């Protein structure tokens, strides 16, 4: 299947160009290769069998696309140094070649990368001039890999998410319109709610010592850390270890329902928390503590509609497929989970709701969620 061809119309009898066309016949084009990476991610999420993405970039001034000889040599070298089950394709058309290694042997990640790197370099050394070889860079991206919890909170490599970083034209148009709506609506909300904001701030200040706003590091889209804003609902300098312990069990589906009311209904959230102030209980119940997040929306860290942004220590307990909820869309103030199963469903079901929203992203869906949000706030179900 010839997914990539070389234009030899200027000299159809040129044997060099003909040989290049044959050599690269099994190299997937950019769209197909990136789609294959996405498929391998999904497969790994289910099977937990990792894969390795190798990217080979030619920094030579002429570039791969202008040098038929080097193109043929590198393509041939990759074909001869990989298995039939490995997938070769263009990560960036005629500039960056990639190889997806699947069914990896049971070896240490670093040892495996070292073995493959040495094999590929040795193969290239046999077919490339030393001057050109020195311009070839090779990088490796292992999936799944642990996220760096202590620094940026970002995935160790964004290279394995090309489909998410470069959405198609239709989705890109929706995201642009969504951003415009976020800016307009959040600005209007902050203006119209200004008197209410002042009243809440005074109530917090009078009722307990500490700042009016609660600031916390959260994880946004693509693992970007940002300062999350809420009205303070707890006493100042409280110990958050109790929440960390409970949320870890919740993510592992080991947390028990907490009694929410006299009817015995339960939620997956800490209730009757002694750390919460009297004013804070009302703010949480009515969700008025969330209003300052419109500042996060204006800044671009959040959207009005989207999954709730996790705390960095939550990621340590995530399974691989859970991470998609912080990759596929921006976090939001309200969302599908908040208006359907807020704190009443298990963590896996919450993630599925978030992923369902991401897969069905549209302005119409956002409008439906937004219309259901006031009723959810009034009922206060799951808000503690």
Protein backbone atom coordinates (compact mmCIF):
# COMPACT_ATOMS: atom_id res chain seq x y z
CA UNK A 1 0.00 0.00 0.00
CA UNK A 2 1.73 3.16 -1.24
CA UNK A 3 0.78 5.82 1.27
CA UNK A 4 3.64 8.09 0.27
CA UNK A 5 4.95 8.67 -3.23
CA UNK A 6 7.81 10.70 -4.65
CA UNK A 7 7.08 12.96 -7.61
CA UNK A 8 9.32 11.74 -10.43
CA UNK A 9 7.44 13.42 -13.25
CA UNK A 10 10.49 15.52 -14.11
CA UNK A 11 12.51 12.40 -14.83
CA UNK A 12 10.36 9.27 -14.78
CA UNK A 13 13.29 7.11 -15.73
CA UNK A 14 15.43 8.20 -12.80
CA UNK A 15 16.33 4.91 -11.02
CA UNK A 16 17.11 6.72 -7.74
CA UNK A 17 13.60 8.16 -7.46
CA UNK A 18 12.06 4.87 -8.49
CA UNK A 19 13.98 3.05 -5.74
CA UNK A 20 12.90 5.61 -3.16
CA UNK A 21 9.25 5.12 -4.12
CA UNK A 22 9.63 1.39 -3.55
CA UNK A 23 11.48 1.78 -0.27
CA UNK A 24 8.90 4.00 1.37
CA UNK A 25 5.80 2.15 0.19
CA UNK A 26 5.13 0.87 3.72
CA UNK A 27 5.56 4.23 5.46
CA UNK A 28 2.21 5.58 6.66
CA UNK A 29 1.34 9.17 5.85
CA UNK A 30 1.10 11.70 8.69
CA UNK A 31 -2.65 11.42 9.23
CA UNK A 32 -2.64 7.62 9.24
CA UNK A 33 0.40 7.39 11.50
CA UNK A 34 -1.00 9.77 14.11
CA UNK A 35 -4.29 7.90 14.03
CA UNK A 36 -2.34 4.69 14.69
CA UNK A 37 -0.66 6.29 17.72
CA UNK A 38 -4.09 7.17 19.12
CA UNK A 39 -5.25 3.57 18.55
CA UNK A 40 -2.21 2.22 20.37
CA UNK A 41 -2.94 4.52 23.33
CA UNK A 42 -6.46 3.16 23.59
CA UNK A 43 -5.15 -0.39 23.34
CA UNK A 44 -2.63 0.26 26.11
CA UNK A 45 -5.33 1.76 28.33
CA UNK A 46 -7.25 -1.51 28.11
CA UNK A 47 -4.43 -4.07 28.06
CA UNK A 48 -1.85 -2.15 30.14
CA UNK A 49 0.79 -3.34 27.63
CA UNK A 50 3.07 -0.34 26.93
CA UNK A 51 4.36 0.86 23.58
CA UNK A 52 7.33 2.99 22.57
CA UNK A 53 7.31 5.81 20.03
CA UNK A 54 10.62 6.66 18.39
CA UNK A 55 10.90 9.91 16.42
CA UNK A 56 13.75 10.43 14.01
CA UNK A 57 14.30 13.98 12.76
CA UNK A 58 16.72 15.06 10.09
CA UNK A 59 18.25 18.43 10.95
CA UNK A 60 20.23 18.48 7.72
CA UNK A 61 19.86 21.75 5.83
CA UNK A 62 18.52 20.06 2.71
CA UNK A 63 15.84 18.18 4.64
CA UNK A 64 14.55 14.69 3.94
CA UNK A 65 12.10 15.78 1.27
CA UNK A 66 14.85 17.39 -0.86
CA UNK A 67 17.32 14.56 -0.67
CA UNK A 68 16.02 11.41 -2.29
CA UNK A 69 19.14 9.45 -1.47
CA UNK A 70 18.98 10.19 2.26
CA UNK A 71 15.24 9.57 2.30
CA UNK A 72 15.71 6.17 0.76
CA UNK A 73 18.63 5.33 3.03
CA UNK A 74 16.83 6.26 6.26
CA UNK A 75 13.58 4.56 5.25
CA UNK A 76 15.47 1.44 4.26
CA UNK A 77 17.46 1.51 7.51
CA UNK A 78 14.29 1.72 9.61
CA UNK A 79 12.64 -1.09 7.69
CA UNK A 80 15.64 -3.34 8.15
CA UNK A 81 16.07 -2.57 11.87
CA UNK A 82 12.43 -3.00 12.95
CA UNK A 83 10.07 -5.95 13.24
CA UNK A 84 7.13 -6.63 10.97
CA UNK A 85 4.80 -5.81 13.87
CA UNK A 86 6.30 -2.33 14.34
CA UNK A 87 4.64 0.59 12.55
CA UNK A 88 6.64 3.14 10.54
CA UNK A 89 5.17 6.47 9.41
CA UNK A 90 5.54 10.20 9.02
CA UNK A 91 5.05 12.02 12.32
CA UNK A 92 5.63 15.27 10.44
CA UNK A 93 5.31 14.95 6.70
CA UNK A 94 8.72 14.30 5.09
CA UNK A 95 10.53 15.84 8.05
CA UNK A 96 10.10 13.56 11.08
CA UNK A 97 9.83 9.77 10.74
CA UNK A 98 8.33 7.75 13.57
CA UNK A 99 8.26 4.12 14.62
CA UNK A 100 5.73 2.63 17.05
CA UNK A 101 7.15 -0.41 18.85
CA UNK A 102 4.44 -2.68 20.24
CA UNK A 103 4.54 -6.03 22.07
CA UNK A 104 7.62 -4.91 23.95
CA UNK A 105 9.79 -7.47 25.75
CA UNK A 106 9.74 -7.56 29.53
CA UNK A 107 12.67 -5.23 30.14
CA UNK A 108 13.40 -2.08 32.11
CA UNK A 109 12.22 0.99 30.16
CA UNK A 110 15.65 2.64 30.08
CA UNK A 111 17.36 -0.58 29.06
CA UNK A 112 14.85 -1.11 26.27
CA UNK A 113 15.32 2.41 24.93
CA UNK A 114 19.10 2.03 25.07
CA UNK A 115 18.98 -1.23 23.10
CA UNK A 116 16.74 0.20 20.37
CA UNK A 117 18.70 3.45 20.19
CA UNK A 118 22.00 1.66 19.72
CA UNK A 119 20.54 -0.66 17.11
CA UNK A 120 19.07 2.20 15.06
CA UNK A 121 22.25 4.30 15.30
CA UNK A 122 24.36 1.36 14.20
CA UNK A 123 22.07 0.76 11.24
CA UNK A 124 22.11 4.43 10.21
CA UNK A 125 25.88 4.52 10.54
CA UNK A 126 26.11 1.86 7.85
CA UNK A 127 24.03 3.79 5.33
CA UNK A 128 24.66 7.52 6.03
CA UNK A 129 27.68 9.71 5.68
CA UNK A 130 29.09 10.80 9.06
CA UNK A 131 28.31 14.46 8.33
CA UNK A 132 24.65 13.66 7.77
CA UNK A 133 24.42 11.19 10.65
CA UNK A 134 25.45 13.94 13.07
CA UNK A 135 22.36 15.92 12.05
CA UNK A 136 19.94 13.10 12.78
CA UNK A 137 18.27 13.28 16.20
CA UNK A 138 16.42 10.36 17.79
CA UNK A 139 13.96 10.76 20.65
CA UNK A 140 11.91 8.15 22.52
CA UNK A 141 8.48 8.47 24.12
CA UNK A 142 7.23 5.66 26.36
CA UNK A 143 3.52 5.13 27.03
CA UNK A 144 2.19 4.92 29.67
CA UNK A 145 4.61 6.80 31.88
CA UNK A 146 4.24 8.42 35.28
CA UNK A 147 3.43 12.09 35.31
CA UNK A 148 5.79 14.39 37.19
CA UNK A 149 3.79 15.18 40.30
CA UNK A 150 6.32 17.52 41.90
CA UNK A 151 7.06 19.91 39.04
CA UNK A 152 4.84 20.84 36.12
CA UNK A 153 2.22 18.11 36.49
CA UNK A 154 2.42 17.67 32.70
CA UNK A 155 2.68 14.39 30.82
CA UNK A 156 6.34 13.35 30.41
CA UNK A 157 5.84 13.53 26.66
CA UNK A 158 3.13 15.21 24.61
CA UNK A 159 4.40 13.45 21.47
CA UNK A 160 2.09 10.47 22.08
CA UNK A 161 -0.96 12.79 21.98
CA UNK A 162 -0.72 14.32 18.47
CA UNK A 163 -4.47 13.92 17.84
CA UNK A 164 -5.32 15.91 20.98
CA UNK A 165 -2.78 18.67 20.43
CA UNK A 166 -3.92 19.22 16.82
CA UNK A 167 -7.73 18.83 16.65
CA UNK A 168 -9.49 18.61 13.30
CA UNK A 169 -11.02 21.66 11.64
CA UNK A 170 -14.57 21.04 12.90
CA UNK A 171 -13.53 20.60 16.51
CA UNK A 172 -11.18 23.57 16.27
CA UNK A 173 -14.09 25.80 15.17
CA UNK A 174 -16.17 24.66 18.16
CA UNK A 175 -13.28 25.37 20.53
CA UNK A 176 -12.85 28.88 19.12
CA UNK A 177 -16.55 29.67 19.56
CA UNK A 178 -16.49 28.10 23.01
CA UNK A 179 -13.63 30.38 24.01
CA UNK A 180 -15.45 33.48 22.76
CA UNK A 181 -18.55 32.51 24.75
CA UNK A 182 -16.39 31.83 27.84
CA UNK A 183 -14.92 35.33 27.71
CA UNK A 184 -18.23 37.12 27.17
CA UNK A 185 -20.27 35.14 29.72
CA UNK A 186 -17.63 35.14 32.46
CA UNK A 187 -17.06 38.90 32.10
CA UNK A 188 -20.81 39.57 32.33
CA UNK A 189 -21.18 37.25 35.33
CA UNK A 190 -18.40 39.00 37.24
CA UNK A 191 -19.94 42.40 36.51
CA UNK A 192 -23.53 41.49 37.40
CA UNK A 193 -22.50 39.49 40.47
CA UNK A 194 -20.24 42.23 41.85
CA UNK A 195 -22.64 43.23 44.69
CA UNK A 196 -23.09 39.55 45.64
CA UNK A 197 -19.34 39.00 45.57
CA UNK A 198 -18.85 41.88 48.00
CA UNK A 199 -21.50 40.54 50.37
CA UNK A 200 -19.97 37.03 50.35
CA UNK A 201 -16.49 38.44 50.93
CA UNK A 202 -17.70 40.43 53.96
CA UNK A 203 -19.52 37.38 55.38
CA UNK A 204 -16.37 35.25 55.08
CA UNK A 205 -14.18 37.93 56.63
CA UNK A 206 -16.49 38.50 59.57
CA UNK A 207 -17.17 34.83 60.33
CA UNK A 208 -13.59 33.49 60.46
CA UNK A 209 -9.97 34.53 60.25
CA UNK A 210 -8.11 34.12 57.00
CA UNK A 211 -8.21 35.27 53.36
CA UNK A 212 -11.45 35.67 51.44
CA UNK A 213 -10.24 33.61 48.50
CA UNK A 214 -8.94 30.05 48.62
CA UNK A 215 -6.09 29.45 46.18
CA UNK A 216 -4.99 25.96 45.22
CA UNK A 217 -2.84 24.38 42.52
CA UNK A 218 -4.97 22.37 40.08
CA UNK A 219 -4.30 20.47 36.87
CA UNK A 220 -5.73 21.88 33.66
CA UNK A 221 -5.73 20.62 30.10
CA UNK A 222 -2.54 18.84 28.97
CA UNK A 223 -1.40 18.76 32.60
CA UNK A 224 -0.91 22.53 32.81
CA UNK A 225 -0.88 23.70 36.44
CA UNK A 226 -2.78 26.82 37.38
CA UNK A 227 -3.98 28.65 40.52
CA UNK A 228 -7.57 27.65 41.13
CA UNK A 229 -9.81 30.21 42.87
CA UNK A 230 -12.76 29.70 45.20
CA UNK A 231 -14.29 31.57 48.09
CA UNK A 232 -12.75 30.17 51.27
CA UNK A 233 -15.16 27.76 52.95
CA UNK A 234 -12.80 26.23 55.53
CA UNK A 235 -10.96 27.55 58.52
CA UNK A 236 -7.50 28.82 57.66
CA UNK A 237 -4.47 26.48 57.84
CA UNK A 238 -6.47 23.27 58.03
CA UNK A 239 -4.95 19.84 57.42
CA UNK A 240 -5.82 18.51 53.95
CA UNK A 241 -4.47 15.00 54.54
CA UNK A 242 -7.97 13.71 55.37
CA UNK A 243 -9.17 14.75 51.91
CA UNK A 244 -6.12 13.22 50.23
CA UNK A 245 -6.75 9.92 51.98
CA UNK A 246 -10.43 9.85 51.05
CA UNK A 247 -9.94 10.93 47.42
CA UNK A 248 -7.27 8.26 46.91
CA UNK A 249 -9.75 5.61 48.02
CA UNK A 250 -12.45 7.21 45.87
CA UNK A 251 -10.31 7.02 42.73
CA UNK A 252 -9.51 3.38 43.51
CA UNK A 253 -13.26 2.73 43.88
CA UNK A 254 -12.70 1.77 47.53
CA UNK A 255 -14.43 4.73 49.19
CA UNK A 256 -17.71 4.25 51.02
CA UNK A 257 -20.79 6.42 50.66
CA UNK A 258 -20.94 9.20 53.22
CA UNK A 259 -24.39 9.82 54.73
CA UNK A 260 -25.73 13.01 53.19
CA UNK A 261 -29.15 13.52 54.80
CA UNK A 262 -31.75 12.08 57.15
CA UNK A 263 -33.06 9.82 54.39
CA UNK A 264 -29.81 7.91 54.42
CA UNK A 265 -28.81 8.96 50.91
CA UNK A 266 -25.07 8.79 50.37
CA UNK A 267 -22.48 10.68 48.38
CA UNK A 268 -18.85 10.07 47.53
CA UNK A 269 -17.64 13.13 49.38
CA UNK A 270 -16.68 14.10 52.91
CA UNK A 271 -19.79 15.28 54.77
CA UNK A 272 -20.04 16.91 58.19
CA UNK A 273 -16.48 18.10 57.72
CA UNK A 274 -15.39 19.96 60.87
CA UNK A 275 -12.97 22.02 58.79
CA UNK A 276 -15.83 23.80 57.00
CA UNK A 277 -17.08 27.07 58.49
CA UNK A 278 -20.76 27.90 59.05
CA UNK A 279 -20.75 30.36 56.14
CA UNK A 280 -18.75 27.87 54.11
CA UNK A 281 -21.47 25.21 54.45
CA UNK A 282 -24.01 27.54 52.88
CA UNK A 283 -21.63 28.59 50.11
CA UNK A 284 -20.88 24.97 49.26
CA UNK A 285 -24.52 23.93 49.37
CA UNK A 286 -25.47 26.74 46.97
CA UNK A 287 -22.24 26.47 44.90
CA UNK A 288 -21.72 30.22 45.36
CA UNK A 289 -18.12 29.47 46.38
CA UNK A 290 -17.42 28.67 42.73
CA UNK A 291 -18.09 32.20 41.38
CA UNK A 292 -14.43 33.38 41.54
CA UNK A 293 -13.59 30.67 39.00
CA UNK A 294 -14.96 32.96 36.30
CA UNK A 295 -11.60 34.72 36.72
CA UNK A 296 -9.92 31.41 35.81
CA UNK A 297 -12.19 31.24 32.77
CA UNK A 298 -11.28 34.78 31.68
CA UNK A 299 -7.60 33.91 31.98
CA UNK A 300 -8.08 30.80 29.84
CA UNK A 301 -7.14 28.14 32.38
CA UNK A 302 -10.73 26.91 32.56
CA UNK A 303 -13.93 26.91 30.54
CA UNK A 304 -17.47 27.43 31.82
CA UNK A 305 -18.35 23.87 30.80
CA UNK A 306 -15.95 20.97 31.35
CA UNK A 307 -14.62 18.37 33.83
CA UNK A 308 -13.63 19.49 37.30
CA UNK A 309 -9.86 20.15 37.55
CA UNK A 310 -8.05 17.66 39.82
CA UNK A 311 -5.55 18.42 42.57
CA UNK A 312 -1.99 17.32 41.61
CA UNK A 313 -1.85 14.52 44.18
CA UNK A 314 -4.95 12.96 42.62
CA UNK A 315 -3.02 12.13 39.44
CA UNK A 316 -0.79 9.75 41.37
CA UNK A 317 -3.83 7.51 41.91
CA UNK A 318 -5.14 7.75 38.32
CA UNK A 319 -5.19 4.79 35.98
CA UNK A 320 -3.89 5.48 32.47
CA UNK A 321 -7.34 5.98 30.94
CA UNK A 322 -8.37 8.37 33.71
CA UNK A 323 -5.76 10.86 32.46
CA UNK A 324 -7.80 11.50 29.33
CA UNK A 325 -10.19 13.66 31.37
CA UNK A 326 -7.44 16.26 31.80
CA UNK A 327 -6.20 15.97 28.22
CA UNK A 328 -9.17 16.08 25.90
CA UNK A 329 -10.89 19.30 27.05
CA UNK A 330 -10.34 22.22 29.41
CA UNK A 331 -11.68 21.86 32.97
CA UNK A 332 -14.88 23.71 33.73
CA UNK A 333 -17.00 25.30 36.45
CA UNK A 334 -19.95 23.08 35.59
CA UNK A 335 -20.30 20.03 33.40
CA UNK A 336 -22.11 16.81 32.59
CA UNK A 337 -21.07 15.20 35.87
CA UNK A 338 -22.17 18.20 37.93
CA UNK A 339 -25.71 18.24 36.48
CA UNK A 340 -26.27 14.46 36.43
CA UNK A 341 -24.34 12.49 39.04
CA UNK A 342 -22.55 15.03 41.21
CA UNK A 343 -20.79 13.18 44.06
CA UNK A 344 -23.34 10.35 43.79
CA UNK A 345 -21.50 8.14 41.30
CA UNK A 346 -18.22 6.28 41.56
CA UNK A 347 -15.05 7.82 40.17
CA UNK A 348 -14.93 5.63 37.06
CA UNK A 349 -18.46 6.69 36.15
CA UNK A 350 -17.51 10.34 36.68
CA UNK A 351 -14.59 9.91 34.27
CA UNK A 352 -16.87 8.23 31.72
CA UNK A 353 -19.22 11.22 31.91
CA UNK A 354 -16.28 13.57 31.36
CA UNK A 355 -15.07 11.53 28.37
CA UNK A 356 -18.60 11.35 26.95
CA UNK A 357 -18.72 15.13 27.10
CA UNK A 358 -15.32 15.43 25.38
CA UNK A 359 -16.33 13.02 22.61
CA UNK A 360 -19.66 14.82 22.03
CA UNK A 361 -18.28 18.35 22.35
CA UNK A 362 -20.65 20.88 20.79
CA UNK A 363 -22.15 24.27 21.54
CA UNK A 364 -25.58 22.64 21.73
CA UNK A 365 -24.45 20.27 24.48
CA UNK A 366 -22.85 23.17 26.37
CA UNK A 367 -26.13 25.08 26.18
CA UNK A 368 -28.10 22.11 27.59
CA UNK A 369 -25.66 21.70 30.48
CA UNK A 370 -25.73 25.44 31.20
CA UNK A 371 -29.53 25.43 31.32
CA UNK A 372 -29.55 22.53 33.81
CA UNK A 373 -26.93 24.10 36.10
CA UNK A 374 -29.20 26.58 38.00
CA UNK A 375 -31.57 23.76 39.00
CA UNK A 376 -28.61 21.65 40.17
CA UNK A 377 -27.40 24.61 42.25
CA UNK A 378 -30.83 25.13 43.81
CA UNK A 379 -31.26 21.47 44.70
CA UNK A 380 -27.72 21.31 46.03
CA UNK A 381 -27.63 17.54 45.58
CA UNK A 382 -24.10 16.24 46.06
CA UNK A 383 -22.76 19.63 47.19
CA UNK A 384 -21.03 19.41 50.60
